[in-house]
Amino acid sequence: MKLVFLYHPVKNVKESLAFYRDTLGFEEAWREGEHTVALTLPNSDVRLMIEDEEADLSAGGVFLVDSVDDFYNENKNVLEFVKEPIDIPPGRYAIYKDISGNYLRIIDFTKEK
């Protein structure tokens, strides 16, 4: 598992993008529609992802795995998944909770291979 994003749910992507880009100086790396934007963090390979679709979930890391489906199938009986694997533009995505209730997101880039 490798940390690839810091996920921050936001109320308004446009306002949040202005804050992170214009106030903090982060550069936009990519966007998906009008609801998700990734920003490059200075001196880091990790990107900040802001999104307004999961505003009811807390911030946290997004970890790269070889296969979200394999991870899910190997752990579905021991981890509490709050979002089962779904398709996203670069691959697959899922969310589970740790033992303290923190949300951990996993992603694979299987569509980019």
C-alpha atoms as a PDB file:
ATOM      1  CA  MET A   1       0.000   0.000   0.000  1.00  0.00           C
ATOM      2  CA  LYS A   2       1.290   3.433  -0.910  1.00  0.00           C
ATOM      3  CA  LEU A   3      -0.185   6.805   0.068  1.00  0.00           C
ATOM      4  CA  VAL A   4      -1.082   8.664  -3.140  1.00  0.00           C
ATOM      5  CA  PHE A   5      -3.675  11.240  -2.013  1.00  0.00           C
ATOM      6  CA  LEU A   6      -4.764  13.133   1.045  1.00  0.00           C
ATOM      7  CA  TYR A   7      -8.522  13.291   0.714  1.00  0.00           C
ATOM      8  CA  HIS A   8     -10.358  16.371   1.988  1.00  0.00           C
ATOM      9  CA  PRO A   9     -14.132  16.542   1.638  1.00  0.00           C
ATOM     10  CA  VAL A  10     -15.252  20.115   1.010  1.00  0.00           C
ATOM     11  CA  LYS A  11     -18.569  21.943   0.910  1.00  0.00           C
ATOM     12  CA  ASN A  12     -17.789  23.861  -2.278  1.00  0.00           C
ATOM     13  CA  VAL A  13     -15.084  22.750  -4.728  1.00  0.00           C
ATOM     14  CA  LYS A  14     -14.772  26.146  -6.463  1.00  0.00           C
ATOM     15  CA  GLU A  15     -14.276  28.052  -3.203  1.00  0.00           C
ATOM     16  CA  SER A  16     -11.931  25.401  -1.831  1.00  0.00           C
ATOM     17  CA  LEU A  17      -9.903  25.316  -5.041  1.00  0.00           C
ATOM     18  CA  ALA A  18      -9.447  29.085  -4.826  1.00  0.00           C
ATOM     19  CA  PHE A  19      -8.234  28.730  -1.224  1.00  0.00           C
ATOM     20  CA  TYR A  20      -5.743  25.927  -1.854  1.00  0.00           C
ATOM     21  CA  ARG A  21      -4.518  27.309  -5.182  1.00  0.00           C
ATOM     22  CA  ASP A  22      -4.614  31.064  -4.668  1.00  0.00           C
ATOM     23  CA  THR A  23      -3.997  31.343  -0.925  1.00  0.00           C
ATOM     24  CA  LEU A  24      -1.697  28.355  -0.314  1.00  0.00           C
ATOM     25  CA  GLY A  25      -0.079  28.216  -3.763  1.00  0.00           C
ATOM     26  CA  PHE A  26      -0.854  24.567  -4.589  1.00  0.00           C
ATOM     27  CA  GLU A  27      -1.010  23.786  -8.313  1.00  0.00           C
ATOM     28  CA  GLU A  28      -3.942  22.013  -9.930  1.00  0.00           C
ATOM     29  CA  ALA A  29      -2.858  18.576 -11.187  1.00  0.00           C
ATOM     30  CA  TRP A  30      -6.140  17.324 -12.671  1.00  0.00           C
ATOM     31  CA  ARG A  31      -9.884  17.415 -12.197  1.00  0.00           C
ATOM     32  CA  GLU A  32     -12.811  15.101 -12.714  1.00  0.00           C
ATOM     33  CA  GLY A  33     -15.885  17.046 -13.700  1.00  0.00           C
ATOM     34  CA  GLU A  34     -16.900  19.807 -11.334  1.00  0.00           C
ATOM     35  CA  HIS A  35     -16.766  17.760  -8.140  1.00  0.00           C
ATOM     36  CA  THR A  36     -13.155  16.518  -7.784  1.00  0.00           C
ATOM     37  CA  VAL A  37      -9.824  18.340  -8.083  1.00  0.00           C
ATOM     38  CA  ALA A  38      -6.321  17.076  -7.305  1.00  0.00           C
ATOM     39  CA  LEU A  39      -3.620  19.520  -6.291  1.00  0.00           C
ATOM     40  CA  THR A  40       0.134  19.087  -6.314  1.00  0.00           C
ATOM     41  CA  LEU A  41       1.706  19.604  -2.910  1.00  0.00           C
ATOM     42  CA  PRO A  42       5.094  21.333  -2.922  1.00  0.00           C
ATOM     43  CA  ASN A  43       8.030  18.915  -2.568  1.00  0.00           C
ATOM     44  CA  SER A  44       5.802  15.826  -2.403  1.00  0.00           C
ATOM     45  CA  ASP A  45       4.595  12.982  -4.620  1.00  0.00           C
ATOM     46  CA  VAL A  46       1.359  12.893  -2.609  1.00  0.00           C
ATOM     47  CA  ARG A  47      -1.492  14.989  -3.976  1.00  0.00           C
ATOM     48  CA  LEU A  48      -4.336  16.684  -2.168  1.00  0.00           C
ATOM     49  CA  MET A  49      -7.725  15.644  -3.525  1.00  0.00           C
ATOM     50  CA  ILE A  50     -10.718  17.852  -2.737  1.00  0.00           C
ATOM     51  CA  GLU A  51     -14.208  16.662  -3.497  1.00  0.00           C
ATOM     52  CA  ASP A  52     -17.751  17.590  -2.601  1.00  0.00           C
ATOM     53  CA  GLU A  53     -19.391  14.188  -3.194  1.00  0.00           C
ATOM     54  CA  GLU A  54     -18.382  12.547   0.116  1.00  0.00           C
ATOM     55  CA  ALA A  55     -18.749  15.563   2.387  1.00  0.00           C
ATOM     56  CA  ASP A  56     -20.364  13.393   5.069  1.00  0.00           C
ATOM     57  CA  LEU A  57     -17.146  11.325   5.392  1.00  0.00           C
ATOM     58  CA  SER A  58     -14.001  12.541   7.142  1.00  0.00           C
ATOM     59  CA  ALA A  59     -10.657  13.431   5.612  1.00  0.00           C
ATOM     60  CA  GLY A  60      -8.030  10.741   5.272  1.00  0.00           C
ATOM     61  CA  GLY A  61      -5.513   8.981   3.104  1.00  0.00           C
ATOM     62  CA  VAL A  62      -6.113   7.312  -0.227  1.00  0.00           C
ATOM     63  CA  PHE A  63      -3.830   4.317  -0.655  1.00  0.00           C
ATOM     64  CA  LEU A  64      -2.779   2.675  -3.907  1.00  0.00           C
ATOM     65  CA  VAL A  65      -3.177  -1.104  -4.049  1.00  0.00           C
ATOM     66  CA  ASP A  66      -2.548  -3.491  -6.936  1.00  0.00           C
ATOM     67  CA  SER A  67      -6.209  -4.495  -7.087  1.00  0.00           C
ATOM     68  CA  VAL A  68      -9.101  -3.014  -5.119  1.00  0.00           C
ATOM     69  CA  ASP A  69     -11.198  -6.075  -5.920  1.00  0.00           C
ATOM     70  CA  ASP A  70      -8.555  -8.486  -4.597  1.00  0.00           C
ATOM     71  CA  PHE A  71      -8.073  -6.374  -1.445  1.00  0.00           C
ATOM     72  CA  TYR A  72     -11.830  -6.278  -0.904  1.00  0.00           C
ATOM     73  CA  ASN A  73     -12.281 -10.016  -1.430  1.00  0.00           C
ATOM     74  CA  GLU A  74      -9.388 -10.842   0.923  1.00  0.00           C
ATOM     75  CA  ASN A  75     -10.628  -8.482   3.670  1.00  0.00           C
ATOM     76  CA  LYS A  76     -14.417  -8.139   3.365  1.00  0.00           C
ATOM     77  CA  ASN A  77     -15.003 -10.437   6.327  1.00  0.00           C
ATOM     78  CA  VAL A  78     -12.562  -8.632   8.657  1.00  0.00           C
ATOM     79  CA  LEU A  79     -12.858  -4.975   7.639  1.00  0.00           C
ATOM     80  CA  GLU A  80     -15.937  -2.752   7.730  1.00  0.00           C
ATOM     81  CA  PHE A  81     -16.382  -1.508   4.170  1.00  0.00           C
ATOM     82  CA  VAL A  82     -18.612   1.568   3.849  1.00  0.00           C
ATOM     83  CA  LYS A  83     -18.241   1.674   0.062  1.00  0.00           C
ATOM     84  CA  GLU A  84     -17.728  -1.517  -1.877  1.00  0.00           C
ATOM     85  CA  PRO A  85     -15.501  -1.410  -4.988  1.00  0.00           C
ATOM     86  CA  ILE A  86     -16.764   0.891  -7.730  1.00  0.00           C
ATOM     87  CA  ASP A  87     -15.428   2.002 -11.105  1.00  0.00           C
ATOM     88  CA  ILE A  88     -13.731   5.388 -11.329  1.00  0.00           C
ATOM     89  CA  PRO A  89     -11.876   6.842 -14.332  1.00  0.00           C
ATOM     90  CA  PRO A  90      -8.409   5.459 -13.504  1.00  0.00           C
ATOM     91  CA  GLY A  91      -9.572   2.100 -12.073  1.00  0.00           C
ATOM     92  CA  ARG A  92     -11.422   0.945  -8.941  1.00  0.00           C
ATOM     93  CA  TYR A  93     -12.109   2.547  -5.546  1.00  0.00           C
ATOM     94  CA  ALA A  94     -13.447   1.476  -2.134  1.00  0.00           C
ATOM     95  CA  ILE A  95     -13.644   2.782   1.447  1.00  0.00           C
ATOM     96  CA  TYR A  96     -13.372   0.959   4.754  1.00  0.00           C
ATOM     97  CA  LYS A  97     -13.042   1.955   8.423  1.00  0.00           C
ATOM     98  CA  ASP A  98     -10.195   1.297  10.799  1.00  0.00           C
ATOM     99  CA  ILE A  99     -10.877   0.182  14.388  1.00  0.00           C
ATOM    100  CA  SER A 100     -11.257   3.817  15.514  1.00  0.00           C
ATOM    101  CA  GLY A 101     -13.821   4.676  12.832  1.00  0.00           C
ATOM    102  CA  ASN A 102     -11.427   6.548  10.523  1.00  0.00           C
ATOM    103  CA  TYR A 103     -12.104   6.166   6.811  1.00  0.00           C
ATOM    104  CA  LEU A 104      -9.404   4.580   4.686  1.00  0.00           C
ATOM    105  CA  ARG A 105      -9.738   4.759   0.936  1.00  0.00           C
ATOM    106  CA  ILE A 106      -8.101   2.416  -1.542  1.00  0.00           C
ATOM    107  CA  ILE A 107      -7.636   2.922  -5.247  1.00  0.00           C
ATOM    108  CA  ASP A 108      -6.069   1.065  -8.132  1.00  0.00           C
ATOM    109  CA  PHE A 109      -5.088   2.365 -11.540  1.00  0.00           C
ATOM    110  CA  THR A 110      -6.126  -0.750 -13.474  1.00  0.00           C
ATOM    111  CA  LYS A 111      -7.704   1.242 -16.320  1.00  0.00           C
ATOM    112  CA  GLU A 112      -4.394   2.978 -16.976  1.00  0.00           C
ATOM    113  CA  LYS A 113      -2.522  -0.276 -17.670  1.00  0.00           C
END
